[in-house]
Amino acid sequence: MNKLFFNLICSCLMFTAIMTVQAQERNANGQSVLKEIALNNKENAEIRELALERIIDQSALKEIALDSSVDTEIRKLALERMTDQNVFRQIVSDKSVDTEIRKLALERITDQTVFKEIALNDKEDLEIRKLALERVTDQNVFRQIALDNSVNTEIRKLALERIR
């Protein structure tokens, strides 16, 4: 009786494992198809948006958000669906990514060290630097920027306004 019960349990576990693997494979294939539609169905934006809304794979969303050949609105939607703070940091730090996408990524970041780094060091993109400075909470950063004569005047004024 014990052997029969043991074999039954093993069979059930094996069946569950096989079904789980098959479901994961179907999901991976489905995500791949959805990503392909979101990236390449240029004729129909509505279909691309519907496909994008169903993508849960963060790496696929990242690929879409960073693909400069993809329509900006689709890229923004992909970015809005992302949750990975490391990817947001990567996007904001990459000066080759256009400002609109960098701004959206910056809005999603929660890490003060990223805001500080950009506020202190991003000399190429004034708009991104302003947005980062607005999110900084460290008074030392405001002081450092306000005292630095090499910093853009507008940025220095913003820092001065934030000093308490």
Protein backbone atom coordinates (compact mmCIF):
# COMPACT_ATOMS: atom_id res chain seq x y z
CA MET A 1 0.00 0.00 0.00
CA ASN A 2 2.81 2.41 0.90
CA LYS A 3 4.57 1.73 -2.40
CA LEU A 4 1.37 2.40 -4.34
CA PHE A 5 0.79 5.64 -2.42
CA PHE A 6 4.43 6.68 -2.97
CA ASN A 7 4.17 6.00 -6.74
CA LEU A 8 0.93 7.98 -6.92
CA ILE A 9 2.50 10.98 -5.15
CA CYS A 10 5.58 10.82 -7.40
CA SER A 11 3.37 10.72 -10.48
CA CYS A 12 1.40 13.74 -9.29
CA LEU A 13 4.58 15.69 -8.57
CA MET A 14 6.03 14.77 -11.96
CA PHE A 15 2.82 15.82 -13.72
CA THR A 16 2.78 19.14 -11.83
CA ALA A 17 6.42 19.81 -12.73
CA ILE A 18 5.83 19.06 -16.41
CA MET A 19 2.76 21.29 -16.52
CA THR A 20 4.68 24.11 -14.82
CA VAL A 21 7.55 23.90 -17.31
CA GLN A 22 5.14 23.86 -20.25
CA ALA A 23 3.27 26.87 -18.89
CA GLN A 24 6.54 28.77 -18.47
CA GLU A 25 7.54 27.93 -22.04
CA ARG A 26 4.17 29.11 -23.38
CA ASN A 27 4.48 32.32 -21.38
CA ALA A 28 8.03 32.93 -22.65
CA ASN A 29 6.90 32.34 -26.24
CA GLY A 30 3.90 34.61 -25.76
CA GLN A 31 6.10 37.35 -24.28
CA SER A 32 8.44 37.01 -27.25
CA VAL A 33 5.57 37.43 -29.71
CA LEU A 34 4.20 40.42 -27.81
CA LYS A 35 7.64 42.05 -27.80
CA GLU A 36 7.99 41.46 -31.54
CA ILE A 37 4.61 43.12 -32.18
CA ALA A 38 5.44 46.07 -29.93
CA LEU A 39 8.76 46.60 -31.69
CA ASN A 40 7.80 45.99 -35.29
CA ASN A 41 4.10 46.57 -35.99
CA LYS A 42 4.67 50.13 -37.20
CA GLU A 43 1.45 50.30 -39.22
CA ASN A 44 -0.90 50.01 -36.26
CA ALA A 45 -0.05 51.88 -33.04
CA GLU A 46 -3.16 50.57 -31.28
CA ILE A 47 -2.07 46.94 -31.78
CA ARG A 48 1.43 47.82 -30.58
CA GLU A 49 0.01 49.42 -27.43
CA LEU A 50 -2.21 46.40 -26.75
CA ALA A 51 0.77 44.07 -27.11
CA LEU A 52 2.87 46.29 -24.88
CA GLU A 53 0.22 46.32 -22.15
CA ARG A 54 0.51 42.52 -21.90
CA ILE A 55 4.30 42.37 -21.65
CA ILE A 56 5.54 41.59 -18.15
CA ASP A 57 9.14 40.69 -19.01
CA GLN A 58 11.26 43.58 -17.68
CA SER A 59 14.11 42.91 -20.11
CA ALA A 60 11.70 43.10 -23.06
CA LEU A 61 10.25 46.36 -21.74
CA LYS A 62 13.80 47.71 -21.32
CA GLU A 63 14.69 46.73 -24.89
CA ILE A 64 11.61 48.54 -26.23
CA ALA A 65 12.24 51.64 -24.08
CA LEU A 66 15.83 51.93 -25.30
CA ASP A 67 15.19 51.24 -28.98
CA SER A 68 15.46 54.63 -30.68
CA SER A 69 13.84 53.26 -33.85
CA VAL A 70 10.60 52.69 -31.91
CA ASP A 71 7.99 55.46 -31.69
CA THR A 72 8.54 57.69 -28.63
CA GLU A 73 5.03 57.07 -27.26
CA ILE A 74 5.55 53.31 -27.33
CA ARG A 75 8.92 53.75 -25.64
CA LYS A 76 7.27 55.87 -22.93
CA LEU A 77 4.60 53.23 -22.36
CA ALA A 78 7.28 50.57 -22.00
CA LEU A 79 9.13 52.71 -19.49
CA GLU A 80 5.94 53.32 -17.49
CA ARG A 81 5.41 49.56 -17.20
CA MET A 82 8.92 48.94 -15.91
CA THR A 83 9.73 48.57 -12.22
CA ASP A 84 13.47 47.88 -12.15
CA GLN A 85 15.32 50.74 -10.42
CA ASN A 86 18.65 49.55 -11.87
CA VAL A 87 17.30 49.94 -15.39
CA PHE A 88 16.02 53.43 -14.59
CA ARG A 89 19.50 54.34 -13.30
CA GLN A 90 21.08 52.93 -16.44
CA ILE A 91 18.74 54.90 -18.71
CA VAL A 92 19.25 58.18 -16.83
CA SER A 93 23.02 57.75 -16.86
CA ASP A 94 23.15 57.02 -20.59
CA LYS A 95 23.49 60.41 -22.28
CA SER A 96 22.89 58.85 -25.69
CA VAL A 97 19.25 58.19 -24.69
CA ASP A 98 16.97 61.06 -25.67
CA THR A 99 15.90 63.54 -23.00
CA GLU A 100 12.20 62.56 -22.97
CA ILE A 101 13.01 58.96 -22.09
CA ARG A 102 15.67 60.00 -19.56
CA LYS A 103 13.15 62.34 -17.88
CA LEU A 104 10.60 59.57 -17.52
CA ALA A 105 13.21 57.24 -16.06
CA LEU A 106 14.33 59.96 -13.65
CA GLU A 107 10.74 60.42 -12.46
CA ARG A 108 10.59 56.71 -11.59
CA ILE A 109 13.82 56.68 -9.56
CA THR A 110 13.61 56.71 -5.78
CA ASP A 111 17.33 56.69 -4.92
CA GLN A 112 18.72 60.00 -3.60
CA THR A 113 22.27 59.08 -4.61
CA VAL A 114 21.22 59.09 -8.27
CA PHE A 115 19.63 62.53 -7.90
CA LYS A 116 22.76 63.87 -6.21
CA GLU A 117 25.06 62.43 -8.86
CA ILE A 118 23.08 63.97 -11.70
CA ALA A 119 22.58 67.32 -9.95
CA LEU A 120 26.30 67.60 -9.29
CA ASN A 121 27.74 66.16 -12.50
CA ASP A 122 25.40 66.17 -15.52
CA LYS A 123 26.68 69.21 -17.37
CA GLU A 124 25.38 68.22 -20.82
CA ASP A 125 21.63 68.07 -20.17
CA LEU A 126 20.36 71.10 -18.26
CA GLU A 127 16.77 69.86 -18.19
CA ILE A 128 17.71 66.52 -16.62
CA ARG A 129 19.98 68.26 -14.15
CA LYS A 130 17.16 70.60 -13.06
CA LEU A 131 14.77 67.69 -12.56
CA ALA A 132 17.33 65.84 -10.48
CA LEU A 133 18.05 68.94 -8.41
CA GLU A 134 14.33 69.30 -7.67
CA ARG A 135 14.33 65.79 -6.20
CA VAL A 136 17.49 66.20 -4.09
CA THR A 137 16.94 66.57 -0.34
CA ASP A 138 20.57 66.96 0.79
CA GLN A 139 21.40 70.53 1.82
CA ASN A 140 25.10 69.87 1.23
CA VAL A 141 24.41 69.30 -2.46
CA PHE A 142 22.60 72.64 -2.70
CA ARG A 143 25.50 74.40 -0.98
CA GLN A 144 28.10 72.72 -3.16
CA ILE A 145 26.29 73.71 -6.37
CA ALA A 146 25.58 77.26 -5.18
CA LEU A 147 29.26 77.83 -4.36
CA ASP A 148 30.62 76.42 -7.62
CA ASN A 149 31.24 79.24 -10.13
CA SER A 150 31.65 76.76 -12.99
CA VAL A 151 28.03 75.59 -12.65
CA ASN A 152 25.35 77.01 -14.94
CA THR A 153 23.78 80.16 -13.43
CA GLU A 154 20.24 78.81 -13.66
CA ILE A 155 21.22 75.64 -11.79
CA ARG A 156 23.03 77.68 -9.14
CA LYS A 157 19.90 79.82 -8.65
CA LEU A 158 17.77 76.72 -8.18
CA ALA A 159 20.22 75.40 -5.62
CA LEU A 160 20.28 78.74 -3.79
CA GLU A 161 16.48 78.74 -3.56
CA ARG A 162 16.57 75.33 -1.88
CA ILE A 163 19.10 76.25 0.82
CA ARG A 164 17.54 76.59 4.28
